[in-house]
PDB file of N, CA and C in Angstrom:
ATOM      1  N   MET A   1      -7.559  21.150  -1.992  1.00  0.00           N
ATOM      2  CA  MET A   1      -6.934  20.270  -0.992  1.00  0.00           C
ATOM      3  C   MET A   1      -7.321  20.083   0.049  1.00  0.00           C
ATOM      4  N   LYS A   2      -7.726  20.872   1.108  1.00  0.00           N
ATOM      5  CA  LYS A   2      -8.331  20.732   2.228  1.00  0.00           C
ATOM      6  C   LYS A   2      -9.851  19.967   2.074  1.00  0.00           C
ATOM      7  N   SER A   3     -10.404  19.541   0.874  1.00  0.00           N
ATOM      8  CA  SER A   3     -11.517  18.690   1.222  1.00  0.00           C
ATOM      9  C   SER A   3     -11.274  17.563   0.525  1.00  0.00           C
ATOM     10  N   HIS A   4     -10.219  17.746  -0.210  1.00  0.00           N
ATOM     11  CA  HIS A   4      -9.624  16.501  -0.566  1.00  0.00           C
ATOM     12  C   HIS A   4      -9.373  15.129   0.387  1.00  0.00           C
ATOM     13  N   LEU A   5      -8.853  15.893   1.624  1.00  0.00           N
ATOM     14  CA  LEU A   5      -8.348  15.344   2.634  1.00  0.00           C
ATOM     15  C   LEU A   5      -8.588  14.679   3.430  1.00  0.00           C
ATOM     16  N   ARG A   6     -10.237  15.236   3.888  1.00  0.00           N
ATOM     17  CA  ARG A   6     -11.079  15.003   5.310  1.00  0.00           C
ATOM     18  C   ARG A   6     -11.940  14.365   3.902  1.00  0.00           C
ATOM     19  N   PRO A   7     -12.157  13.157   4.898  1.00  0.00           N
ATOM     20  CA  PRO A   7     -12.925  12.075   4.544  1.00  0.00           C
ATOM     21  C   PRO A   7     -15.277  12.875   4.950  1.00  0.00           C
ATOM     22  N   GLU A   8     -15.696  12.806   3.659  1.00  0.00           N
ATOM     23  CA  GLU A   8     -16.941  12.463   4.249  1.00  0.00           C
ATOM     24  C   GLU A   8     -17.993  12.593   5.019  1.00  0.00           C
ATOM     25  N   PRO A   9     -18.374  12.531   5.516  1.00  0.00           N
ATOM     26  CA  PRO A   9     -19.474  11.767   6.664  1.00  0.00           C
ATOM     27  C   PRO A   9     -20.683  10.881   6.182  1.00  0.00           C
ATOM     28  N   GLY A  10     -20.858   9.779   6.114  1.00  0.00           N
ATOM     29  CA  GLY A  10     -22.022   9.018   5.764  1.00  0.00           C
ATOM     30  C   GLY A  10     -21.447   7.866   6.069  1.00  0.00           C
ATOM     31  N   ALA A  11     -23.430   6.910   5.299  1.00  0.00           N
ATOM     32  CA  ALA A  11     -23.409   5.934   5.898  1.00  0.00           C
ATOM     33  C   ALA A  11     -21.665   4.579   5.844  1.00  0.00           C
ATOM     34  N   ILE A  12     -21.684   4.155   7.012  1.00  0.00           N
ATOM     35  CA  ILE A  12     -20.372   3.087   7.272  1.00  0.00           C
ATOM     36  C   ILE A  12     -20.782   2.188   6.216  1.00  0.00           C
ATOM     37  N   ALA A  13     -22.472   1.539   6.408  1.00  0.00           N
ATOM     38  CA  ALA A  13     -22.432   0.750   4.912  1.00  0.00           C
ATOM     39  C   ALA A  13     -22.467   0.551   3.709  1.00  0.00           C
ATOM     40  N   ALA A  14     -23.234   1.703   3.905  1.00  0.00           N
ATOM     41  CA  ALA A  14     -22.869   1.985   2.457  1.00  0.00           C
ATOM     42  C   ALA A  14     -21.647   2.865   1.453  1.00  0.00           C
ATOM     43  N   GLY A  15     -21.181   2.744   2.200  1.00  0.00           N
ATOM     44  CA  GLY A  15     -19.588   2.525   1.614  1.00  0.00           C
ATOM     45  C   GLY A  15     -19.824   4.140   1.130  1.00  0.00           C
ATOM     46  N   PRO A  16     -18.979   4.843   1.394  1.00  0.00           N
ATOM     47  CA  PRO A  16     -18.964   6.529   0.997  1.00  0.00           C
ATOM     48  C   PRO A  16     -18.103   6.356   0.119  1.00  0.00           C
ATOM     49  N   PRO A  17     -18.539   6.949  -1.285  1.00  0.00           N
ATOM     50  CA  PRO A  17     -17.296   7.181  -2.522  1.00  0.00           C
ATOM     51  C   PRO A  17     -16.089   7.582  -1.935  1.00  0.00           C
ATOM     52  N   TYR A  18     -15.001   7.259  -3.129  1.00  0.00           N
ATOM     53  CA  TYR A  18     -13.371   7.614  -3.000  1.00  0.00           C
ATOM     54  C   TYR A  18     -13.410   8.904  -3.067  1.00  0.00           C
ATOM     55  N   GLY A  19     -12.317   9.141  -2.301  1.00  0.00           N
ATOM     56  CA  GLY A  19     -11.945  10.334  -3.412  1.00  0.00           C
ATOM     57  C   GLY A  19     -11.015  10.576  -4.065  1.00  0.00           C
ATOM     58  N   ILE A  20     -10.227  11.619  -4.066  1.00  0.00           N
ATOM     59  CA  ILE A  20      -8.830  11.256  -5.347  1.00  0.00           C
ATOM     60  C   ILE A  20      -7.785  10.842  -4.641  1.00  0.00           C
ATOM     61  N   VAL A  21      -8.106  11.505  -3.497  1.00  0.00           N
ATOM     62  CA  VAL A  21      -6.655  11.166  -2.584  1.00  0.00           C
ATOM     63  C   VAL A  21      -6.730   9.330  -2.126  1.00  0.00           C
ATOM     64  N   GLN A  22      -7.961   9.252  -1.962  1.00  0.00           N
ATOM     65  CA  GLN A  22      -7.407   7.450  -1.609  1.00  0.00           C
ATOM     66  C   GLN A  22      -7.209   6.962  -3.046  1.00  0.00           C
ATOM     67  N   ARG A  23      -8.060   7.040  -4.246  1.00  0.00           N
ATOM     68  CA  ARG A  23      -7.903   6.728  -5.604  1.00  0.00           C
ATOM     69  C   ARG A  23      -6.325   6.864  -5.747  1.00  0.00           C
ATOM     70  N   ILE A  24      -5.818   7.780  -5.292  1.00  0.00           N
ATOM     71  CA  ILE A  24      -4.389   7.906  -6.092  1.00  0.00           C
ATOM     72  C   ILE A  24      -4.022   6.944  -5.192  1.00  0.00           C
ATOM     73  N   SER A  25      -3.678   6.521  -4.075  1.00  0.00           N
ATOM     74  CA  SER A  25      -3.163   6.045  -3.058  1.00  0.00           C
ATOM     75  C   SER A  25      -2.931   4.535  -2.911  1.00  0.00           C
ATOM     76  N   TYR A  26      -4.776   4.449  -3.221  1.00  0.00           N
ATOM     77  CA  TYR A  26      -4.688   2.447  -3.329  1.00  0.00           C
ATOM     78  C   TYR A  26      -3.906   2.532  -4.571  1.00  0.00           C
ATOM     79  N   GLY A  27      -4.268   3.393  -5.862  1.00  0.00           N
ATOM     80  CA  GLY A  27      -3.687   3.134  -7.384  1.00  0.00           C
ATOM     81  C   GLY A  27      -2.065   2.868  -7.086  1.00  0.00           C
ATOM     82  N   PHE A  28      -1.479   3.460  -6.557  1.00  0.00           N
ATOM     83  CA  PHE A  28      -0.171   3.417  -6.202  1.00  0.00           C
ATOM     84  C   PHE A  28      -0.116   2.467  -5.346  1.00  0.00           C
ATOM     85  N   ILE A  29      -0.513   1.960  -4.467  1.00  0.00           N
ATOM     86  CA  ILE A  29       0.014   0.770  -3.336  1.00  0.00           C
ATOM     87  C   ILE A  29       0.231  -0.078  -4.662  1.00  0.00           C
ATOM     88  N   LEU A  30      -1.343  -0.378  -4.498  1.00  0.00           N
ATOM     89  CA  LEU A  30      -1.629  -2.278  -5.581  1.00  0.00           C
ATOM     90  C   LEU A  30      -1.215  -1.916  -6.943  1.00  0.00           C
ATOM     91  N   PHE A  31      -0.405  -0.746  -7.776  1.00  0.00           N
ATOM     92  CA  PHE A  31      -0.232  -1.329  -9.077  1.00  0.00           C
ATOM     93  C   PHE A  31       1.205  -0.830  -8.925  1.00  0.00           C
ATOM     94  N   ILE A  32       1.977  -0.629  -8.004  1.00  0.00           N
ATOM     95  CA  ILE A  32       3.536  -0.009  -8.349  1.00  0.00           C
ATOM     96  C   ILE A  32       4.086  -0.048  -6.853  1.00  0.00           C
ATOM     97  N   ALA A  33       3.355   0.011  -5.716  1.00  0.00           N
ATOM     98  CA  ALA A  33       4.422   0.073  -4.797  1.00  0.00           C
ATOM     99  C   ALA A  33       4.512  -2.040  -4.463  1.00  0.00           C
ATOM    100  N   VAL A  34       3.295  -2.833  -4.566  1.00  0.00           N
ATOM    101  CA  VAL A  34       3.248  -3.730  -4.220  1.00  0.00           C
ATOM    102  C   VAL A  34       3.854  -4.865  -5.236  1.00  0.00           C
ATOM    103  N   PRO A  35       3.944  -4.303  -6.568  1.00  0.00           N
ATOM    104  CA  PRO A  35       5.031  -5.048  -7.521  1.00  0.00           C
ATOM    105  C   PRO A  35       6.097  -4.743  -7.360  1.00  0.00           C
ATOM    106  N   LEU A  36       6.530  -3.702  -7.709  1.00  0.00           N
ATOM    107  CA  LEU A  36       7.312  -3.543  -7.177  1.00  0.00           C
ATOM    108  C   LEU A  36       8.493  -4.156  -5.938  1.00  0.00           C
ATOM    109  N   MET A  37       7.724  -4.015  -4.797  1.00  0.00           N
ATOM    110  CA  MET A  37       8.293  -4.597  -3.701  1.00  0.00           C
ATOM    111  C   MET A  37       8.429  -6.654  -4.178  1.00  0.00           C
ATOM    112  N   VAL A  38       7.622  -7.065  -4.562  1.00  0.00           N
ATOM    113  CA  VAL A  38       7.800  -8.552  -5.349  1.00  0.00           C
ATOM    114  C   VAL A  38       9.255  -8.885  -5.982  1.00  0.00           C
ATOM    115  N   ILE A  39       8.941  -7.584  -6.933  1.00  0.00           N
ATOM    116  CA  ILE A  39      10.094  -8.058  -8.328  1.00  0.00           C
ATOM    117  C   ILE A  39      11.333  -7.982  -7.729  1.00  0.00           C
ATOM    118  N   THR A  40      11.336  -6.569  -7.188  1.00  0.00           N
ATOM    119  CA  THR A  40      13.319  -6.502  -6.677  1.00  0.00           C
ATOM    120  C   THR A  40      13.364  -7.560  -5.042  1.00  0.00           C
ATOM    121  N   GLY A  41      12.255  -7.827  -4.770  1.00  0.00           N
ATOM    122  CA  GLY A  41      12.391  -9.501  -3.487  1.00  0.00           C
ATOM    123  C   GLY A  41      12.997 -10.203  -4.530  1.00  0.00           C
ATOM    124  N   LEU A  42      12.201 -10.648  -5.527  1.00  0.00           N
ATOM    125  CA  LEU A  42      12.918 -11.903  -6.242  1.00  0.00           C
ATOM    126  C   LEU A  42      14.185 -11.455  -6.549  1.00  0.00           C
ATOM    127  N   ALA A  43      14.431 -10.010  -7.061  1.00  0.00           N
ATOM    128  CA  ALA A  43      15.939 -10.176  -7.614  1.00  0.00           C
ATOM    129  C   ALA A  43      16.900 -10.076  -6.714  1.00  0.00           C
ATOM    130  N   MET A  44      16.261 -10.245  -5.398  1.00  0.00           N
ATOM    131  CA  MET A  44      17.515 -10.279  -4.659  1.00  0.00           C
ATOM    132  C   MET A  44      17.781 -12.021  -3.529  1.00  0.00           C
ATOM    133  N   ALA A  45      16.890 -12.504  -4.685  1.00  0.00           N
ATOM    134  CA  ALA A  45      16.941 -13.960  -3.865  1.00  0.00           C
ATOM    135  C   ALA A  45      18.181 -14.969  -4.958  1.00  0.00           C
ATOM    136  N   PRO A  46      18.815 -15.252  -4.557  1.00  0.00           N
ATOM    137  CA  PRO A  46      19.853 -15.857  -5.233  1.00  0.00           C
ATOM    138  C   PRO A  46      19.780 -17.083  -5.983  1.00  0.00           C
ATOM    139  N   ALA A  47      18.839 -17.687  -5.572  1.00  0.00           N
ATOM    140  CA  ALA A  47      18.148 -18.497  -6.822  1.00  0.00           C
ATOM    141  C   ALA A  47      17.505 -18.033  -7.800  1.00  0.00           C
ATOM    142  N   ILE A  48      16.594 -17.347  -7.757  1.00  0.00           N
ATOM    143  CA  ILE A  48      16.125 -16.632  -8.893  1.00  0.00           C
ATOM    144  C   ILE A  48      17.015 -15.811 -10.152  1.00  0.00           C
ATOM    145  N   THR A  49      18.058 -15.123  -9.070  1.00  0.00           N
ATOM    146  CA  THR A  49      19.111 -14.344 -10.024  1.00  0.00           C
ATOM    147  C   THR A  49      19.769 -15.256 -10.748  1.00  0.00           C
ATOM    148  N   ALA A  50      20.209 -16.541 -10.252  1.00  0.00           N
ATOM    149  CA  ALA A  50      20.693 -17.698 -10.921  1.00  0.00           C
ATOM    150  C   ALA A  50      20.240 -18.080 -12.208  1.00  0.00           C
ATOM    151  N   ALA A  51      18.857 -17.882 -11.885  1.00  0.00           N
ATOM    152  CA  ALA A  51      17.681 -18.525 -13.359  1.00  0.00           C
ATOM    153  C   ALA A  51      17.639 -17.067 -14.173  1.00  0.00           C
ATOM    154  N   LEU A  52      17.158 -16.055 -14.181  1.00  0.00           N
ATOM    155  CA  LEU A  52      17.046 -15.205 -14.534  1.00  0.00           C
ATOM    156  C   LEU A  52      18.231 -13.896 -14.334  1.00  0.00           C
ATOM    157  N   PRO A  53      19.288 -14.221 -14.391  1.00  0.00           N
ATOM    158  CA  PRO A  53      20.545 -12.631 -14.324  1.00  0.00           C
ATOM    159  C   PRO A  53      19.825 -11.692 -14.996  1.00  0.00           C
ATOM    160  N   PHE A  54      18.921 -11.316 -15.502  1.00  0.00           N
ATOM    161  CA  PHE A  54      18.404 -10.197 -16.261  1.00  0.00           C
ATOM    162  C   PHE A  54      17.616  -9.030 -14.999  1.00  0.00           C
ATOM    163  N   LEU A  55      16.805  -9.787 -14.338  1.00  0.00           N
ATOM    164  CA  LEU A  55      16.151  -9.378 -13.646  1.00  0.00           C
ATOM    165  C   LEU A  55      17.398  -8.580 -12.698  1.00  0.00           C
ATOM    166  N   LEU A  56      18.353  -8.927 -12.022  1.00  0.00           N
ATOM    167  CA  LEU A  56      18.865  -8.320 -11.469  1.00  0.00           C
ATOM    168  C   LEU A  56      19.654  -7.128 -11.793  1.00  0.00           C
ATOM    169  N   ASP A  57      20.025  -6.887 -13.303  1.00  0.00           N
ATOM    170  CA  ASP A  57      19.899  -6.362 -14.018  1.00  0.00           C
ATOM    171  C   ASP A  57      19.636  -5.005 -14.503  1.00  0.00           C
ATOM    172  N   VAL A  58      18.148  -5.101 -14.229  1.00  0.00           N
ATOM    173  CA  VAL A  58      17.007  -4.386 -14.529  1.00  0.00           C
ATOM    174  C   VAL A  58      17.551  -3.891 -12.982  1.00  0.00           C
ATOM    175  N   PHE A  59      18.080  -3.620 -12.349  1.00  0.00           N
ATOM    176  CA  PHE A  59      17.307  -2.857 -10.936  1.00  0.00           C
ATOM    177  C   PHE A  59      18.808  -2.452 -10.788  1.00  0.00           C
ATOM    178  N   GLY A  60      19.920  -2.597 -11.401  1.00  0.00           N
ATOM    179  CA  GLY A  60      21.685  -1.955 -10.941  1.00  0.00           C
ATOM    180  C   GLY A  60      22.155  -2.951 -10.144  1.00  0.00           C
ATOM    181  N   GLY A  61      21.745  -3.860  -9.905  1.00  0.00           N
ATOM    182  CA  GLY A  61      22.455  -4.791  -8.812  1.00  0.00           C
ATOM    183  C   GLY A  61      22.251  -4.904  -7.346  1.00  0.00           C
ATOM    184  N   TYR A  62      22.497  -5.638  -6.664  1.00  0.00           N
ATOM    185  CA  TYR A  62      21.543  -6.238  -5.254  1.00  0.00           C
ATOM    186  C   TYR A  62      21.661  -4.961  -4.267  1.00  0.00           C
ATOM    187  N   GLN A  63      22.465  -3.839  -4.335  1.00  0.00           N
ATOM    188  CA  GLN A  63      22.358  -3.043  -3.570  1.00  0.00           C
ATOM    189  C   GLN A  63      21.148  -2.085  -4.012  1.00  0.00           C
ATOM    190  N   TYR A  64      20.884  -1.437  -4.744  1.00  0.00           N
ATOM    191  CA  TYR A  64      19.700  -0.677  -5.804  1.00  0.00           C
ATOM    192  C   TYR A  64      18.551  -1.128  -5.314  1.00  0.00           C
ATOM    193  N   ALA A  65      18.650  -3.190  -5.916  1.00  0.00           N
ATOM    194  CA  ALA A  65      17.255  -3.522  -5.685  1.00  0.00           C
ATOM    195  C   ALA A  65      16.665  -3.554  -4.138  1.00  0.00           C
ATOM    196  N   ARG A  66      18.384  -4.043  -3.097  1.00  0.00           N
ATOM    197  CA  ARG A  66      17.550  -3.705  -1.936  1.00  0.00           C
ATOM    198  C   ARG A  66      16.725  -1.877  -1.434  1.00  0.00           C
ATOM    199  N   THR A  67      17.607  -1.118  -1.932  1.00  0.00           N
ATOM    200  CA  THR A  67      17.438   0.018  -1.623  1.00  0.00           C
ATOM    201  C   THR A  67      15.749   0.248  -2.176  1.00  0.00           C
ATOM    202  N   VAL A  68      15.326  -0.251  -3.101  1.00  0.00           N
ATOM    203  CA  VAL A  68      14.295   0.428  -4.093  1.00  0.00           C
ATOM    204  C   VAL A  68      12.827  -1.201  -2.632  1.00  0.00           C
ATOM    205  N   HIS A  69      13.611  -1.583  -2.837  1.00  0.00           N
ATOM    206  CA  HIS A  69      12.821  -2.813  -1.855  1.00  0.00           C
ATOM    207  C   HIS A  69      12.344  -1.938  -0.421  1.00  0.00           C
ATOM    208  N   PHE A  70      13.248  -1.581   0.181  1.00  0.00           N
ATOM    209  CA  PHE A  70      13.912  -0.414   1.840  1.00  0.00           C
ATOM    210  C   PHE A  70      11.831   0.203   1.434  1.00  0.00           C
ATOM    211  N   PHE A  71      12.421   0.667   0.611  1.00  0.00           N
ATOM    212  CA  PHE A  71      10.929   2.504  -0.037  1.00  0.00           C
ATOM    213  C   PHE A  71      10.104   1.804  -0.045  1.00  0.00           C
ATOM    214  N   SER A  72      10.064   0.954  -0.682  1.00  0.00           N
ATOM    215  CA  SER A  72       8.619   0.269  -1.455  1.00  0.00           C
ATOM    216  C   SER A  72       7.654   0.026   0.055  1.00  0.00           C
ATOM    217  N   PHE A  73       8.491  -1.347   1.189  1.00  0.00           N
ATOM    218  CA  PHE A  73       8.489  -1.468   1.959  1.00  0.00           C
ATOM    219  C   PHE A  73       7.517  -0.351   3.056  1.00  0.00           C
ATOM    220  N   CYS A  74       8.590   1.017   3.229  1.00  0.00           N
ATOM    221  CA  CYS A  74       8.028   2.233   3.555  1.00  0.00           C
ATOM    222  C   CYS A  74       6.635   2.562   3.509  1.00  0.00           C
ATOM    223  N   VAL A  75       6.830   2.671   2.354  1.00  0.00           N
ATOM    224  CA  VAL A  75       5.394   3.233   1.633  1.00  0.00           C
ATOM    225  C   VAL A  75       4.057   2.276   2.411  1.00  0.00           C
ATOM    226  N   ILE A  76       4.753   1.187   2.064  1.00  0.00           N
ATOM    227  CA  ILE A  76       3.799   0.144   2.572  1.00  0.00           C
ATOM    228  C   ILE A  76       2.792   0.772   3.666  1.00  0.00           C
ATOM    229  N   LEU A  77       4.352   0.648   4.435  1.00  0.00           N
ATOM    230  CA  LEU A  77       3.757   0.379   6.014  1.00  0.00           C
ATOM    231  C   LEU A  77       3.269   1.876   6.795  1.00  0.00           C
ATOM    232  N   LEU A  78       3.543   2.581   6.049  1.00  0.00           N
ATOM    233  CA  LEU A  78       3.036   3.807   6.061  1.00  0.00           C
ATOM    234  C   LEU A  78       1.349   4.002   5.808  1.00  0.00           C
ATOM    235  N   PHE A  79       1.063   3.409   4.643  1.00  0.00           N
ATOM    236  CA  PHE A  79      -0.110   3.250   4.139  1.00  0.00           C
ATOM    237  C   PHE A  79      -1.120   2.266   4.717  1.00  0.00           C
ATOM    238  N   PHE A  80      -0.100   1.423   5.794  1.00  0.00           N
ATOM    239  CA  PHE A  80      -1.090   0.119   6.690  1.00  0.00           C
ATOM    240  C   PHE A  80      -1.151   1.334   7.865  1.00  0.00           C
ATOM    241  N   ILE A  81      -0.472   2.333   8.400  1.00  0.00           N
ATOM    242  CA  ILE A  81       0.045   3.001   9.704  1.00  0.00           C
ATOM    243  C   ILE A  81      -1.485   3.781   9.810  1.00  0.00           C
ATOM    244  N   VAL A  82      -1.412   4.726   8.553  1.00  0.00           N
ATOM    245  CA  VAL A  82      -2.756   5.860   7.905  1.00  0.00           C
ATOM    246  C   VAL A  82      -3.855   4.698   8.245  1.00  0.00           C
ATOM    247  N   HIS A  83      -4.012   3.920   7.276  1.00  0.00           N
ATOM    248  CA  HIS A  83      -5.222   3.091   7.454  1.00  0.00           C
ATOM    249  C   HIS A  83      -5.753   2.967   8.981  1.00  0.00           C
ATOM    250  N   VAL A  84      -5.295   2.300  10.013  1.00  0.00           N
ATOM    251  CA  VAL A  84      -5.356   1.904  11.059  1.00  0.00           C
ATOM    252  C   VAL A  84      -5.699   3.463  12.326  1.00  0.00           C
ATOM    253  N   ALA A  85      -4.840   4.614  12.040  1.00  0.00           N
ATOM    254  CA  ALA A  85      -5.219   6.480  12.491  1.00  0.00           C
ATOM    255  C   ALA A  85      -6.185   5.913  11.576  1.00  0.00           C
ATOM    256  N   MET A  86      -6.859   5.630  10.376  1.00  0.00           N
ATOM    257  CA  MET A  86      -8.566   6.234  10.217  1.00  0.00           C
ATOM    258  C   MET A  86      -9.624   5.598  10.973  1.00  0.00           C
ATOM    259  N   VAL A  87      -9.003   4.499  11.247  1.00  0.00           N
ATOM    260  CA  VAL A  87     -10.025   3.612  12.081  1.00  0.00           C
ATOM    261  C   VAL A  87     -10.013   4.098  13.181  1.00  0.00           C
ATOM    262  N   VAL A  88      -9.047   4.595  14.058  1.00  0.00           N
ATOM    263  CA  VAL A  88      -9.308   5.028  15.458  1.00  0.00           C
ATOM    264  C   VAL A  88      -9.792   6.310  15.573  1.00  0.00           C
ATOM    265  N   VAL A  89      -9.208   7.551  14.260  1.00  0.00           N
ATOM    266  CA  VAL A  89     -10.148   8.579  14.953  1.00  0.00           C
ATOM    267  C   VAL A  89     -11.359   8.554  14.269  1.00  0.00           C
ATOM    268  N   ALA A  90     -12.247   7.418  13.487  1.00  0.00           N
ATOM    269  CA  ALA A  90     -13.308   7.041  13.060  1.00  0.00           C
ATOM    270  C   ALA A  90     -14.120   6.647  14.405  1.00  0.00           C
ATOM    271  N   GLY A  91     -13.914   5.985  15.066  1.00  0.00           N
ATOM    272  CA  GLY A  91     -14.182   5.194  16.301  1.00  0.00           C
ATOM    273  C   GLY A  91     -13.756   3.746  15.867  1.00  0.00           C
ATOM    274  N   PHE A  92     -12.813   3.736  16.877  1.00  0.00           N
ATOM    275  CA  PHE A  92     -12.590   2.084  16.541  1.00  0.00           C
ATOM    276  C   PHE A  92     -14.053   0.638  16.785  1.00  0.00           C
ATOM    277  N   GLY A  93     -14.462   0.713  17.589  1.00  0.00           N
ATOM    278  CA  GLY A  93     -15.954   0.049  17.007  1.00  0.00           C
ATOM    279  C   GLY A  93     -16.827   0.255  16.510  1.00  0.00           C
ATOM    280  N   ARG A  94     -16.950   1.352  16.217  1.00  0.00           N
ATOM    281  CA  ARG A  94     -17.928   1.590  15.250  1.00  0.00           C
ATOM    282  C   ARG A  94     -17.738   0.960  14.114  1.00  0.00           C
ATOM    283  N   GLN A  95     -16.131   0.908  13.613  1.00  0.00           N
ATOM    284  CA  GLN A  95     -15.763   0.133  12.162  1.00  0.00           C
ATOM    285  C   GLN A  95     -15.514  -1.402  11.965  1.00  0.00           C
ATOM    286  N   MET A  96     -14.941  -1.416  13.536  1.00  0.00           N
ATOM    287  CA  MET A  96     -15.253  -2.926  13.761  1.00  0.00           C
ATOM    288  C   MET A  96     -16.358  -3.811  13.356  1.00  0.00           C
ATOM    289  N   ARG A  97     -17.472  -2.865  14.230  1.00  0.00           N
ATOM    290  CA  ARG A  97     -18.555  -3.184  13.842  1.00  0.00           C
ATOM    291  C   ARG A  97     -19.451  -3.206  12.717  1.00  0.00           C
ATOM    292  N   ALA A  98     -19.038  -2.711  11.792  1.00  0.00           N
ATOM    293  CA  ALA A  98     -19.400  -2.197  10.121  1.00  0.00           C
ATOM    294  C   ALA A  98     -19.061  -2.952   9.938  1.00  0.00           C
ATOM    295  N   MET A  99     -17.149  -3.504  10.036  1.00  0.00           N
ATOM    296  CA  MET A  99     -16.389  -4.560   9.032  1.00  0.00           C
ATOM    297  C   MET A  99     -16.986  -5.854   8.642  1.00  0.00           C
ATOM    298  N   ILE A 100     -17.041  -6.313  10.171  1.00  0.00           N
ATOM    299  CA  ILE A 100     -17.855  -7.714  10.862  1.00  0.00           C
ATOM    300  C   ILE A 100     -19.757  -8.135  10.554  1.00  0.00           C
ATOM    301  N   LEU A 101     -20.322  -6.981  10.764  1.00  0.00           N
ATOM    302  CA  LEU A 101     -21.709  -7.340  10.636  1.00  0.00           C
ATOM    303  C   LEU A 101     -22.216  -7.141   9.821  1.00  0.00           C
ATOM    304  N   GLY A 102     -22.137  -5.816   8.719  1.00  0.00           N
ATOM    305  CA  GLY A 102     -21.895  -5.174   7.787  1.00  0.00           C
ATOM    306  C   GLY A 102     -22.961  -3.695   8.079  1.00  0.00           C
ATOM    307  N   LYS A 103     -23.007  -3.728   9.638  1.00  0.00           N
ATOM    308  CA  LYS A 103     -23.938  -2.379   9.803  1.00  0.00           C
ATOM    309  C   LYS A 103     -23.311  -1.136  10.199  1.00  0.00           C
TER     310      LYS A 103
END
């Protein structure tokens, strides 16, 4: 577990391979958290529920949709905070230079 959580040092421009924890977290955010947040956001919109009332029934009402929406937001926010922290730990200047200039 320890080896999967620690990134391997490598060339930034070459793009080190993603570890299993990174693949799972990106997949979870991309295919579960973001779509769930969008769908629950639509389920809470009165205009959408008037046109598609089954959408609110899928989530069991406004309160459950609101709760799922909030926890999806928390997961995405935590993902963002961890990414910013990783950039700071790896060296902000070097990371920004690599992202902007590709070096």
